[in-house]
């Protein structure tokens, strides 16, 4: 607790620049939830 991690999402097969990307997580016994997303050009994040 209190520590840090950096997750990476690597794409292949196409140019990721044409796609928005979202991060999701699922805890045991819980539904998957959205954590963060970034628009295609990166101008918008949530």
ModelCIF file with pLDDT and N, C-alpha, C, O atoms, coordinates in Angstrom:
data_MODEL
#
_entry.id   MODEL 
#
_entity.id                         1 
_entity.type                       polymer 
_entity.pdbx_number_of_molecules   1 
#
_entity_poly.entity_id                      1 
_entity_poly.type                           'polypeptide(L)' 
_entity_poly.nstd_linkage                   no 
_entity_poly.nstd_monomer                   no 
_entity_poly.pdbx_seq_one_letter_code       
;(UNK)(UNK)(UNK)(UNK)(UNK)(UNK)(UNK)(UNK)(UNK)(UNK)(UNK)(UNK)(UNK)(UNK)(UNK)(UNK)
(UNK)(UNK)(UNK)(UNK)(UNK)(UNK)(UNK)(UNK)(UNK)(UNK)(UNK)(UNK)(UNK)(UNK)(UNK)(UNK)
(UNK)(UNK)(UNK)(UNK)(UNK)(UNK)(UNK)(UNK)(UNK)(UNK)(UNK)(UNK)(UNK)(UNK)
;
_entity_poly.pdbx_seq_one_letter_code_can   XXXXXXXXXXXXXXXXXXXXXXXXXXXXXXXXXXXXXXXXXXXXXX 
_entity_poly.pdbx_strand_id                 A 
#
loop_
_entity_poly_seq.entity_id 
_entity_poly_seq.num 
_entity_poly_seq.mon_id 
_entity_poly_seq.hetero 
1 1  UNK n 
1 2  UNK n 
1 3  UNK n 
1 4  UNK n 
1 5  UNK n 
1 6  UNK n 
1 7  UNK n 
1 8  UNK n 
1 9  UNK n 
1 10 UNK n 
1 11 UNK n 
1 12 UNK n 
1 13 UNK n 
1 14 UNK n 
1 15 UNK n 
1 16 UNK n 
1 17 UNK n 
1 18 UNK n 
1 19 UNK n 
1 20 UNK n 
1 21 UNK n 
1 22 UNK n 
1 23 UNK n 
1 24 UNK n 
1 25 UNK n 
1 26 UNK n 
1 27 UNK n 
1 28 UNK n 
1 29 UNK n 
1 30 UNK n 
1 31 UNK n 
1 32 UNK n 
1 33 UNK n 
1 34 UNK n 
1 35 UNK n 
1 36 UNK n 
1 37 UNK n 
1 38 UNK n 
1 39 UNK n 
1 40 UNK n 
1 41 UNK n 
1 42 UNK n 
1 43 UNK n 
1 44 UNK n 
1 45 UNK n 
1 46 UNK n 
#
_struct_asym.id          A 
_struct_asym.entity_id   1 
#
loop_
_ma_qa_metric.id 
_ma_qa_metric.mode 
_ma_qa_metric.name 
_ma_qa_metric.software_group_id 
_ma_qa_metric.type 
1 global pLDDT . pLDDT 
2 local  pLDDT . pLDDT 
#
_ma_qa_metric_global.metric_id      1 
_ma_qa_metric_global.metric_value   96.02 
_ma_qa_metric_global.model_id       1 
_ma_qa_metric_global.ordinal_id     1 
#
loop_
_ma_qa_metric_local.label_asym_id 
_ma_qa_metric_local.label_comp_id 
_ma_qa_metric_local.label_seq_id 
_ma_qa_metric_local.metric_id 
_ma_qa_metric_local.metric_value 
_ma_qa_metric_local.model_id 
_ma_qa_metric_local.ordinal_id 
A UNK 1  2 98.00 1 1  
A UNK 2  2 98.00 1 2  
A UNK 3  2 98.00 1 3  
A UNK 4  2 98.00 1 4  
A UNK 5  2 98.00 1 5  
A UNK 6  2 98.00 1 6  
A UNK 7  2 98.00 1 7  
A UNK 8  2 98.00 1 8  
A UNK 9  2 98.00 1 9  
A UNK 10 2 97.00 1 10 
A UNK 11 2 96.00 1 11 
A UNK 12 2 93.00 1 12 
A UNK 13 2 94.00 1 13 
A UNK 14 2 93.00 1 14 
A UNK 15 2 93.00 1 15 
A UNK 16 2 93.00 1 16 
A UNK 17 2 92.00 1 17 
A UNK 18 2 95.00 1 18 
A UNK 19 2 96.00 1 19 
A UNK 20 2 97.00 1 20 
A UNK 21 2 97.00 1 21 
A UNK 22 2 98.00 1 22 
A UNK 23 2 98.00 1 23 
A UNK 24 2 98.00 1 24 
A UNK 25 2 98.00 1 25 
A UNK 26 2 98.00 1 26 
A UNK 27 2 96.00 1 27 
A UNK 28 2 91.00 1 28 
A UNK 29 2 94.00 1 29 
A UNK 30 2 96.00 1 30 
A UNK 31 2 97.00 1 31 
A UNK 32 2 97.00 1 32 
A UNK 33 2 97.00 1 33 
A UNK 34 2 98.00 1 34 
A UNK 35 2 98.00 1 35 
A UNK 36 2 98.00 1 36 
A UNK 37 2 98.00 1 37 
A UNK 38 2 98.00 1 38 
A UNK 39 2 96.00 1 39 
A UNK 40 2 93.00 1 40 
A UNK 41 2 88.00 1 41 
A UNK 42 2 90.00 1 42 
A UNK 43 2 94.00 1 43 
A UNK 44 2 96.00 1 44 
A UNK 45 2 97.00 1 45 
A UNK 46 2 97.00 1 46 
#
loop_
_atom_site.group_PDB 
_atom_site.id 
_atom_site.type_symbol 
_atom_site.label_atom_id 
_atom_site.label_alt_id 
_atom_site.label_comp_id 
_atom_site.label_asym_id 
_atom_site.label_entity_id 
_atom_site.label_seq_id 
_atom_site.pdbx_PDB_ins_code 
_atom_site.Cartn_x 
_atom_site.Cartn_y 
_atom_site.Cartn_z 
_atom_site.occupancy 
_atom_site.B_iso_or_equiv 
_atom_site.pdbx_formal_charge 
_atom_site.auth_seq_id 
_atom_site.auth_comp_id 
_atom_site.auth_asym_id 
_atom_site.auth_atom_id 
_atom_site.pdbx_PDB_model_num 
ATOM 1   N N  . UNK A 1 1  ? 0.837   -1.211  0.000   1.00 98.00 ? 1  UNK A N  1 
ATOM 2   C CA . UNK A 1 1  ? 0.000   0.000   0.000   1.00 98.00 ? 1  UNK A CA 1 
ATOM 3   C C  . UNK A 1 1  ? 0.864   1.250   0.000   1.00 98.00 ? 1  UNK A C  1 
ATOM 4   O O  . UNK A 1 1  ? 1.866   1.332   0.709   1.00 98.00 ? 1  UNK A O  1 
ATOM 5   N N  . UNK A 1 2  ? 0.461   2.210   -0.799  1.00 98.00 ? 2  UNK A N  1 
ATOM 6   C CA . UNK A 1 2  ? 1.234   3.436   -0.942  1.00 98.00 ? 2  UNK A CA 1 
ATOM 7   C C  . UNK A 1 2  ? 2.258   3.378   -2.050  1.00 98.00 ? 2  UNK A C  1 
ATOM 8   O O  . UNK A 1 2  ? 2.852   4.397   -2.401  1.00 98.00 ? 2  UNK A O  1 
ATOM 9   N N  . UNK A 1 3  ? 2.472   2.204   -2.605  1.00 98.00 ? 3  UNK A N  1 
ATOM 10  C CA . UNK A 1 3  ? 3.464   2.031   -3.667  1.00 98.00 ? 3  UNK A CA 1 
ATOM 11  C C  . UNK A 1 3  ? 2.926   2.409   -5.029  1.00 98.00 ? 3  UNK A C  1 
ATOM 12  O O  . UNK A 1 3  ? 1.799   2.883   -5.172  1.00 98.00 ? 3  UNK A O  1 
ATOM 13  N N  . UNK A 1 4  ? 3.772   2.184   -6.035  1.00 98.00 ? 4  UNK A N  1 
ATOM 14  C CA . UNK A 1 4  ? 3.436   2.567   -7.408  1.00 98.00 ? 4  UNK A CA 1 
ATOM 15  C C  . UNK A 1 4  ? 3.720   1.423   -8.367  1.00 98.00 ? 4  UNK A C  1 
ATOM 16  O O  . UNK A 1 4  ? 4.588   0.582   -8.130  1.00 98.00 ? 4  UNK A O  1 
ATOM 17  N N  . UNK A 1 5  ? 2.970   1.418   -9.445  1.00 98.00 ? 5  UNK A N  1 
ATOM 18  C CA . UNK A 1 5  ? 3.200   0.523   -10.573 1.00 98.00 ? 5  UNK A CA 1 
ATOM 19  C C  . UNK A 1 5  ? 2.871   1.279   -11.848 1.00 98.00 ? 5  UNK A C  1 
ATOM 20  O O  . UNK A 1 5  ? 2.037   2.185   -11.859 1.00 98.00 ? 5  UNK A O  1 
ATOM 21  N N  . UNK A 1 6  ? 3.546   0.887   -12.924 1.00 98.00 ? 6  UNK A N  1 
ATOM 22  C CA . UNK A 1 6  ? 3.172   1.413   -14.243 1.00 98.00 ? 6  UNK A CA 1 
ATOM 23  C C  . UNK A 1 6  ? 2.790   0.248   -15.137 1.00 98.00 ? 6  UNK A C  1 
ATOM 24  O O  . UNK A 1 6  ? 3.603   -0.631  -15.427 1.00 98.00 ? 6  UNK A O  1 
ATOM 25  N N  . UNK A 1 7  ? 1.542   0.259   -15.564 1.00 98.00 ? 7  UNK A N  1 
ATOM 26  C CA . UNK A 1 7  ? 1.069   -0.742  -16.503 1.00 98.00 ? 7  UNK A CA 1 
ATOM 27  C C  . UNK A 1 7  ? 1.281   -0.257  -17.930 1.00 98.00 ? 7  UNK A C  1 
ATOM 28  O O  . UNK A 1 7  ? 1.173   0.934   -18.225 1.00 98.00 ? 7  UNK A O  1 
ATOM 29  N N  . UNK A 1 8  ? 1.581   -1.198  -18.798 1.00 98.00 ? 8  UNK A N  1 
ATOM 30  C CA . UNK A 1 8  ? 1.758   -0.898  -20.214 1.00 98.00 ? 8  UNK A CA 1 
ATOM 31  C C  . UNK A 1 8  ? 0.772   -1.698  -21.042 1.00 98.00 ? 8  UNK A C  1 
ATOM 32  O O  . UNK A 1 8  ? 0.430   -2.834  -20.712 1.00 98.00 ? 8  UNK A O  1 
ATOM 33  N N  . UNK A 1 9  ? 0.327   -1.088  -22.110 1.00 98.00 ? 9  UNK A N  1 
ATOM 34  C CA . UNK A 1 9  ? -0.560  -1.739  -23.070 1.00 98.00 ? 9  UNK A CA 1 
ATOM 35  C C  . UNK A 1 9  ? 0.122   -1.617  -24.429 1.00 98.00 ? 9  UNK A C  1 
ATOM 36  O O  . UNK A 1 9  ? 0.226   -0.526  -24.991 1.00 98.00 ? 9  UNK A O  1 
ATOM 37  N N  . UNK A 1 10 ? 0.580   -2.743  -24.943 1.00 97.00 ? 10 UNK A N  1 
ATOM 38  C CA . UNK A 1 10 ? 1.305   -2.750  -26.209 1.00 97.00 ? 10 UNK A CA 1 
ATOM 39  C C  . UNK A 1 10 ? 0.391   -3.256  -27.315 1.00 97.00 ? 10 UNK A C  1 
ATOM 40  O O  . UNK A 1 10 ? -0.304  -4.259  -27.149 1.00 97.00 ? 10 UNK A O  1 
ATOM 41  N N  . UNK A 1 11 ? 0.396   -2.564  -28.427 1.00 96.00 ? 11 UNK A N  1 
ATOM 42  C CA . UNK A 1 11 ? -0.473  -2.934  -29.545 1.00 96.00 ? 11 UNK A CA 1 
ATOM 43  C C  . UNK A 1 11 ? 0.336   -3.504  -30.701 1.00 96.00 ? 11 UNK A C  1 
ATOM 44  O O  . UNK A 1 11 ? 1.495   -3.146  -30.913 1.00 96.00 ? 11 UNK A O  1 
ATOM 45  N N  . UNK A 1 12 ? -0.308  -4.399  -31.440 1.00 93.00 ? 12 UNK A N  1 
ATOM 46  C CA . UNK A 1 12 ? 0.276   -4.939  -32.658 1.00 93.00 ? 12 UNK A CA 1 
ATOM 47  C C  . UNK A 1 12 ? -0.834  -5.207  -33.657 1.00 93.00 ? 12 UNK A C  1 
ATOM 48  O O  . UNK A 1 12 ? -2.009  -5.279  -33.297 1.00 93.00 ? 12 UNK A O  1 
ATOM 49  N N  . UNK A 1 13 ? -0.451  -5.350  -34.899 1.00 94.00 ? 13 UNK A N  1 
ATOM 50  C CA . UNK A 1 13 ? -1.428  -5.660  -35.932 1.00 94.00 ? 13 UNK A CA 1 
ATOM 51  C C  . UNK A 1 13 ? -2.072  -4.452  -36.567 1.00 94.00 ? 13 UNK A C  1 
ATOM 52  O O  . UNK A 1 13 ? -2.651  -4.554  -37.648 1.00 94.00 ? 13 UNK A O  1 
ATOM 53  N N  . UNK A 1 14 ? -1.981  -3.312  -35.914 1.00 93.00 ? 14 UNK A N  1 
ATOM 54  C CA . UNK A 1 14 ? -2.553  -2.084  -36.456 1.00 93.00 ? 14 UNK A CA 1 
ATOM 55  C C  . UNK A 1 14 ? -1.945  -0.913  -35.715 1.00 93.00 ? 14 UNK A C  1 
ATOM 56  O O  . UNK A 1 14 ? -1.284  -1.087  -34.691 1.00 93.00 ? 14 UNK A O  1 
ATOM 57  N N  . UNK A 1 15 ? -2.169  0.269   -36.232 1.00 93.00 ? 15 UNK A N  1 
ATOM 58  C CA . UNK A 1 15 ? -1.643  1.481   -35.601 1.00 93.00 ? 15 UNK A CA 1 
ATOM 59  C C  . UNK A 1 15 ? -2.552  1.896   -34.460 1.00 93.00 ? 15 UNK A C  1 
ATOM 60  O O  . UNK A 1 15 ? -3.708  2.255   -34.682 1.00 93.00 ? 15 UNK A O  1 
ATOM 61  N N  . UNK A 1 16 ? -2.030  1.850   -33.232 1.00 93.00 ? 16 UNK A N  1 
ATOM 62  C CA . UNK A 1 16 ? -2.833  2.198   -32.068 1.00 93.00 ? 16 UNK A CA 1 
ATOM 63  C C  . UNK A 1 16 ? -3.287  3.648   -32.108 1.00 93.00 ? 16 UNK A C  1 
ATOM 64  O O  . UNK A 1 16 ? -4.236  4.030   -31.423 1.00 93.00 ? 16 UNK A O  1 
ATOM 65  N N  . UNK A 1 17 ? -2.608  4.449   -32.910 1.00 92.00 ? 17 UNK A N  1 
ATOM 66  C CA . UNK A 1 17 ? -2.967  5.848   -33.024 1.00 92.00 ? 17 UNK A CA 1 
ATOM 67  C C  . UNK A 1 17 ? -4.368  6.084   -33.572 1.00 92.00 ? 17 UNK A C  1 
ATOM 68  O O  . UNK A 1 17 ? -4.905  7.185   -33.451 1.00 92.00 ? 17 UNK A O  1 
ATOM 69  N N  . UNK A 1 18 ? -4.960  5.065   -34.168 1.00 95.00 ? 18 UNK A N  1 
ATOM 70  C CA . UNK A 1 18 ? -6.321  5.184   -34.690 1.00 95.00 ? 18 UNK A CA 1 
ATOM 71  C C  . UNK A 1 18 ? -7.386  4.781   -33.667 1.00 95.00 ? 18 UNK A C  1 
ATOM 72  O O  . UNK A 1 18 ? -8.579  4.794   -33.969 1.00 95.00 ? 18 UNK A O  1 
ATOM 73  N N  . UNK A 1 19 ? -6.948  4.424   -32.455 1.00 96.00 ? 19 UNK A N  1 
ATOM 74  C CA . UNK A 1 19 ? -7.863  3.877   -31.460 1.00 96.00 ? 19 UNK A CA 1 
ATOM 75  C C  . UNK A 1 19 ? -7.793  4.660   -30.154 1.00 96.00 ? 19 UNK A C  1 
ATOM 76  O O  . UNK A 1 19 ? -6.721  5.086   -29.726 1.00 96.00 ? 19 UNK A O  1 
ATOM 77  N N  . UNK A 1 20 ? -8.948  4.839   -29.532 1.00 97.00 ? 20 UNK A N  1 
ATOM 78  C CA . UNK A 1 20 ? -8.970  5.236   -28.135 1.00 97.00 ? 20 UNK A CA 1 
ATOM 79  C C  . UNK A 1 20 ? -8.691  3.994   -27.293 1.00 97.00 ? 20 UNK A C  1 
ATOM 80  O O  . UNK A 1 20 ? -8.935  2.867   -27.724 1.00 97.00 ? 20 UNK A O  1 
ATOM 81  N N  . UNK A 1 21 ? -8.181  4.219   -26.096 1.00 97.00 ? 21 UNK A N  1 
ATOM 82  C CA . UNK A 1 21 ? -7.820  3.087   -25.228 1.00 97.00 ? 21 UNK A CA 1 
ATOM 83  C C  . UNK A 1 21 ? -8.382  3.299   -23.837 1.00 97.00 ? 21 UNK A C  1 
ATOM 84  O O  . UNK A 1 21 ? -8.353  4.405   -23.297 1.00 97.00 ? 21 UNK A O  1 
ATOM 85  N N  . UNK A 1 22 ? -8.885  2.235   -23.276 1.00 98.00 ? 22 UNK A N  1 
ATOM 86  C CA . UNK A 1 22 ? -9.386  2.278   -21.915 1.00 98.00 ? 22 UNK A CA 1 
ATOM 87  C C  . UNK A 1 22 ? -8.688  1.244   -21.049 1.00 98.00 ? 22 UNK A C  1 
ATOM 88  O O  . UNK A 1 22 ? -8.262  0.191   -21.523 1.00 98.00 ? 22 UNK A O  1 
ATOM 89  N N  . UNK A 1 23 ? -8.583  1.568   -19.783 1.00 98.00 ? 23 UNK A N  1 
ATOM 90  C CA . UNK A 1 23 ? -8.113  0.609   -18.782 1.00 98.00 ? 23 UNK A CA 1 
ATOM 91  C C  . UNK A 1 23 ? -9.291  0.226   -17.904 1.00 98.00 ? 23 UNK A C  1 
ATOM 92  O O  . UNK A 1 23 ? -10.083 1.076   -17.497 1.00 98.00 ? 23 UNK A O  1 
ATOM 93  N N  . UNK A 1 24 ? -9.395  -1.057  -17.622 1.00 98.00 ? 24 UNK A N  1 
ATOM 94  C CA . UNK A 1 24 ? -10.463 -1.598  -16.801 1.00 98.00 ? 24 UNK A CA 1 
ATOM 95  C C  . UNK A 1 24 ? -9.833  -2.497  -15.744 1.00 98.00 ? 24 UNK A C  1 
ATOM 96  O O  . UNK A 1 24 ? -8.679  -2.908  -15.869 1.00 98.00 ? 24 UNK A O  1 
ATOM 97  N N  . UNK A 1 25 ? -10.597 -2.794  -14.713 1.00 98.00 ? 25 UNK A N  1 
ATOM 98  C CA . UNK A 1 25 ? -10.099 -3.747  -13.726 1.00 98.00 ? 25 UNK A CA 1 
ATOM 99  C C  . UNK A 1 25 ? -11.269 -4.575  -13.194 1.00 98.00 ? 25 UNK A C  1 
ATOM 100 O O  . UNK A 1 25 ? -12.427 -4.160  -13.211 1.00 98.00 ? 25 UNK A O  1 
ATOM 101 N N  . UNK A 1 26 ? -10.906 -5.758  -12.725 1.00 98.00 ? 26 UNK A N  1 
ATOM 102 C CA . UNK A 1 26 ? -11.907 -6.639  -12.131 1.00 98.00 ? 26 UNK A CA 1 
ATOM 103 C C  . UNK A 1 26 ? -11.322 -7.277  -10.894 1.00 98.00 ? 26 UNK A C  1 
ATOM 104 O O  . UNK A 1 26 ? -10.331 -8.005  -10.951 1.00 98.00 ? 26 UNK A O  1 
ATOM 105 N N  . UNK A 1 27 ? -11.961 -6.988  -9.768  1.00 96.00 ? 27 UNK A N  1 
ATOM 106 C CA . UNK A 1 27 ? -11.560 -7.580  -8.500  1.00 96.00 ? 27 UNK A CA 1 
ATOM 107 C C  . UNK A 1 27 ? -12.317 -8.895  -8.322  1.00 96.00 ? 27 UNK A C  1 
ATOM 108 O O  . UNK A 1 27 ? -13.376 -9.088  -8.919  1.00 96.00 ? 27 UNK A O  1 
ATOM 109 N N  . UNK A 1 28 ? -11.779 -9.793  -7.505  1.00 91.00 ? 28 UNK A N  1 
ATOM 110 C CA . UNK A 1 28 ? -12.463 -11.076 -7.281  1.00 91.00 ? 28 UNK A CA 1 
ATOM 111 C C  . UNK A 1 28 ? -13.884 -10.863 -6.777  1.00 91.00 ? 28 UNK A C  1 
ATOM 112 O O  . UNK A 1 28 ? -14.114 -10.109 -5.831  1.00 91.00 ? 28 UNK A O  1 
ATOM 113 N N  . UNK A 1 29 ? -14.816 -11.522 -7.409  1.00 94.00 ? 29 UNK A N  1 
ATOM 114 C CA . UNK A 1 29 ? -16.199 -11.433 -6.982  1.00 94.00 ? 29 UNK A CA 1 
ATOM 115 C C  . UNK A 1 29 ? -16.921 -10.163 -7.364  1.00 94.00 ? 29 UNK A C  1 
ATOM 116 O O  . UNK A 1 29 ? -18.070 -9.956  -6.973  1.00 94.00 ? 29 UNK A O  1 
ATOM 117 N N  . UNK A 1 30 ? -16.260 -9.308  -8.126  1.00 96.00 ? 30 UNK A N  1 
ATOM 118 C CA . UNK A 1 30 ? -16.877 -8.030  -8.517  1.00 96.00 ? 30 UNK A CA 1 
ATOM 119 C C  . UNK A 1 30 ? -16.939 -7.918  -10.032 1.00 96.00 ? 30 UNK A C  1 
ATOM 120 O O  . UNK A 1 30 ? -16.233 -8.611  -10.764 1.00 96.00 ? 30 UNK A O  1 
ATOM 121 N N  . UNK A 1 31 ? -17.797 -7.034  -10.467 1.00 97.00 ? 31 UNK A N  1 
ATOM 122 C CA . UNK A 1 31 ? -17.893 -6.785  -11.899 1.00 97.00 ? 31 UNK A CA 1 
ATOM 123 C C  . UNK A 1 31 ? -16.707 -5.952  -12.387 1.00 97.00 ? 31 UNK A C  1 
ATOM 124 O O  . UNK A 1 31 ? -16.081 -5.217  -11.624 1.00 97.00 ? 31 UNK A O  1 
ATOM 125 N N  . UNK A 1 32 ? -16.427 -6.089  -13.657 1.00 97.00 ? 32 UNK A N  1 
ATOM 126 C CA . UNK A 1 32 ? -15.377 -5.279  -14.257 1.00 97.00 ? 32 UNK A CA 1 
ATOM 127 C C  . UNK A 1 32 ? -15.795 -3.809  -14.264 1.00 97.00 ? 32 UNK A C  1 
ATOM 128 O O  . UNK A 1 32 ? -16.953 -3.496  -14.539 1.00 97.00 ? 32 UNK A O  1 
ATOM 129 N N  . UNK A 1 33 ? -14.875 -2.922  -13.968 1.00 97.00 ? 33 UNK A N  1 
ATOM 130 C CA . UNK A 1 33 ? -15.175 -1.497  -13.944 1.00 97.00 ? 33 UNK A CA 1 
ATOM 131 C C  . UNK A 1 33 ? -14.157 -0.718  -14.766 1.00 97.00 ? 33 UNK A C  1 
ATOM 132 O O  . UNK A 1 33 ? -12.995 -1.110  -14.877 1.00 97.00 ? 33 UNK A O  1 
ATOM 133 N N  . UNK A 1 34 ? -14.606 0.375   -15.331 1.00 98.00 ? 34 UNK A N  1 
ATOM 134 C CA . UNK A 1 34 ? -13.715 1.248   -16.061 1.00 98.00 ? 34 UNK A CA 1 
ATOM 135 C C  . UNK A 1 34 ? -12.865 2.065   -15.107 1.00 98.00 ? 34 UNK A C  1 
ATOM 136 O O  . UNK A 1 34 ? -13.363 2.560   -14.096 1.00 98.00 ? 34 UNK A O  1 
ATOM 137 N N  . UNK A 1 35 ? -11.600 2.207   -15.416 1.00 98.00 ? 35 UNK A N  1 
ATOM 138 C CA . UNK A 1 35 ? -10.666 2.928   -14.565 1.00 98.00 ? 35 UNK A CA 1 
ATOM 139 C C  . UNK A 1 35 ? -10.266 4.260   -15.203 1.00 98.00 ? 35 UNK A C  1 
ATOM 140 O O  . UNK A 1 35 ? -10.283 5.305   -14.553 1.00 98.00 ? 35 UNK A O  1 
ATOM 141 N N  . UNK A 1 36 ? -9.907  4.199   -16.481 1.00 98.00 ? 36 UNK A N  1 
ATOM 142 C CA . UNK A 1 36 ? -9.442  5.396   -17.165 1.00 98.00 ? 36 UNK A CA 1 
ATOM 143 C C  . UNK A 1 36 ? -9.513  5.174   -18.670 1.00 98.00 ? 36 UNK A C  1 
ATOM 144 O O  . UNK A 1 36 ? -9.433  4.042   -19.147 1.00 98.00 ? 36 UNK A O  1 
ATOM 145 N N  . UNK A 1 37 ? -9.662  6.256   -19.401 1.00 98.00 ? 37 UNK A N  1 
ATOM 146 C CA . UNK A 1 37 ? -9.587  6.139   -20.857 1.00 98.00 ? 37 UNK A CA 1 
ATOM 147 C C  . UNK A 1 37 ? -8.874  7.351   -21.432 1.00 98.00 ? 37 UNK A C  1 
ATOM 148 O O  . UNK A 1 37 ? -8.789  8.404   -20.800 1.00 98.00 ? 37 UNK A O  1 
ATOM 149 N N  . UNK A 1 38 ? -8.364  7.178   -22.646 1.00 98.00 ? 38 UNK A N  1 
ATOM 150 C CA . UNK A 1 38 ? -7.658  8.251   -23.334 1.00 98.00 ? 38 UNK A CA 1 
ATOM 151 C C  . UNK A 1 38 ? -8.115  8.267   -24.778 1.00 98.00 ? 38 UNK A C  1 
ATOM 152 O O  . UNK A 1 38 ? -8.230  7.224   -25.421 1.00 98.00 ? 38 UNK A O  1 
ATOM 153 N N  . UNK A 1 39 ? -8.372  9.453   -25.275 1.00 96.00 ? 39 UNK A N  1 
ATOM 154 C CA . UNK A 1 39 ? -8.870  9.587   -26.639 1.00 96.00 ? 39 UNK A CA 1 
ATOM 155 C C  . UNK A 1 39 ? -7.777  9.284   -27.653 1.00 96.00 ? 39 UNK A C  1 
ATOM 156 O O  . UNK A 1 39 ? -6.611  9.120   -27.295 1.00 96.00 ? 39 UNK A O  1 
ATOM 157 N N  . UNK A 1 40 ? -8.164  9.213   -28.915 1.00 93.00 ? 40 UNK A N  1 
ATOM 158 C CA . UNK A 1 40 ? -7.253  8.807   -29.982 1.00 93.00 ? 40 UNK A CA 1 
ATOM 159 C C  . UNK A 1 40 ? -5.983  9.646   -29.992 1.00 93.00 ? 40 UNK A C  1 
ATOM 160 O O  . UNK A 1 40 ? -4.882  9.094   -30.011 1.00 93.00 ? 40 UNK A O  1 
ATOM 161 N N  . UNK A 1 41 ? -6.113  10.940  -29.980 1.00 88.00 ? 41 UNK A N  1 
ATOM 162 C CA . UNK A 1 41 ? -4.941  11.810  -30.030 1.00 88.00 ? 41 UNK A CA 1 
ATOM 163 C C  . UNK A 1 41 ? -4.392  12.141  -28.649 1.00 88.00 ? 41 UNK A C  1 
ATOM 164 O O  . UNK A 1 41 ? -3.367  12.812  -28.519 1.00 88.00 ? 41 UNK A O  1 
ATOM 165 N N  . UNK A 1 42 ? -5.085  11.664  -27.619 1.00 90.00 ? 42 UNK A N  1 
ATOM 166 C CA . UNK A 1 42 ? -4.603  11.903  -26.262 1.00 90.00 ? 42 UNK A CA 1 
ATOM 167 C C  . UNK A 1 42 ? -5.023  13.232  -25.666 1.00 90.00 ? 42 UNK A C  1 
ATOM 168 O O  . UNK A 1 42 ? -4.564  13.606  -24.587 1.00 90.00 ? 42 UNK A O  1 
ATOM 169 N N  . UNK A 1 43 ? -5.905  13.957  -26.374 1.00 94.00 ? 43 UNK A N  1 
ATOM 170 C CA . UNK A 1 43 ? -6.300  15.273  -25.854 1.00 94.00 ? 43 UNK A CA 1 
ATOM 171 C C  . UNK A 1 43 ? -7.298  15.186  -24.714 1.00 94.00 ? 43 UNK A C  1 
ATOM 172 O O  . UNK A 1 43 ? -7.430  16.120  -23.923 1.00 94.00 ? 43 UNK A O  1 
ATOM 173 N N  . UNK A 1 44 ? -7.998  14.063  -24.630 1.00 96.00 ? 44 UNK A N  1 
ATOM 174 C CA . UNK A 1 44 ? -8.987  13.896  -23.567 1.00 96.00 ? 44 UNK A CA 1 
ATOM 175 C C  . UNK A 1 44 ? -8.698  12.638  -22.773 1.00 96.00 ? 44 UNK A C  1 
ATOM 176 O O  . UNK A 1 44 ? -8.422  11.577  -23.334 1.00 96.00 ? 44 UNK A O  1 
ATOM 177 N N  . UNK A 1 45 ? -8.768  12.775  -21.460 1.00 97.00 ? 45 UNK A N  1 
ATOM 178 C CA . UNK A 1 45 ? -8.642  11.623  -20.580 1.00 97.00 ? 45 UNK A CA 1 
ATOM 179 C C  . UNK A 1 45 ? -9.775  11.641  -19.574 1.00 97.00 ? 45 UNK A C  1 
ATOM 180 O O  . UNK A 1 45 ? -10.311 12.701  -19.250 1.00 97.00 ? 45 UNK A O  1 
ATOM 181 N N  . UNK A 1 46 ? -10.128 10.498  -19.092 1.00 97.00 ? 46 UNK A N  1 
ATOM 182 C CA . UNK A 1 46 ? -11.184 10.371  -18.087 1.00 97.00 ? 46 UNK A CA 1 
ATOM 183 C C  . UNK A 1 46 ? -10.732 9.380   -17.023 1.00 97.00 ? 46 UNK A C  1 
ATOM 184 O O  . UNK A 1 46 ? -11.468 9.117   -16.073 1.00 97.00 ? 46 UNK A O  1 
#
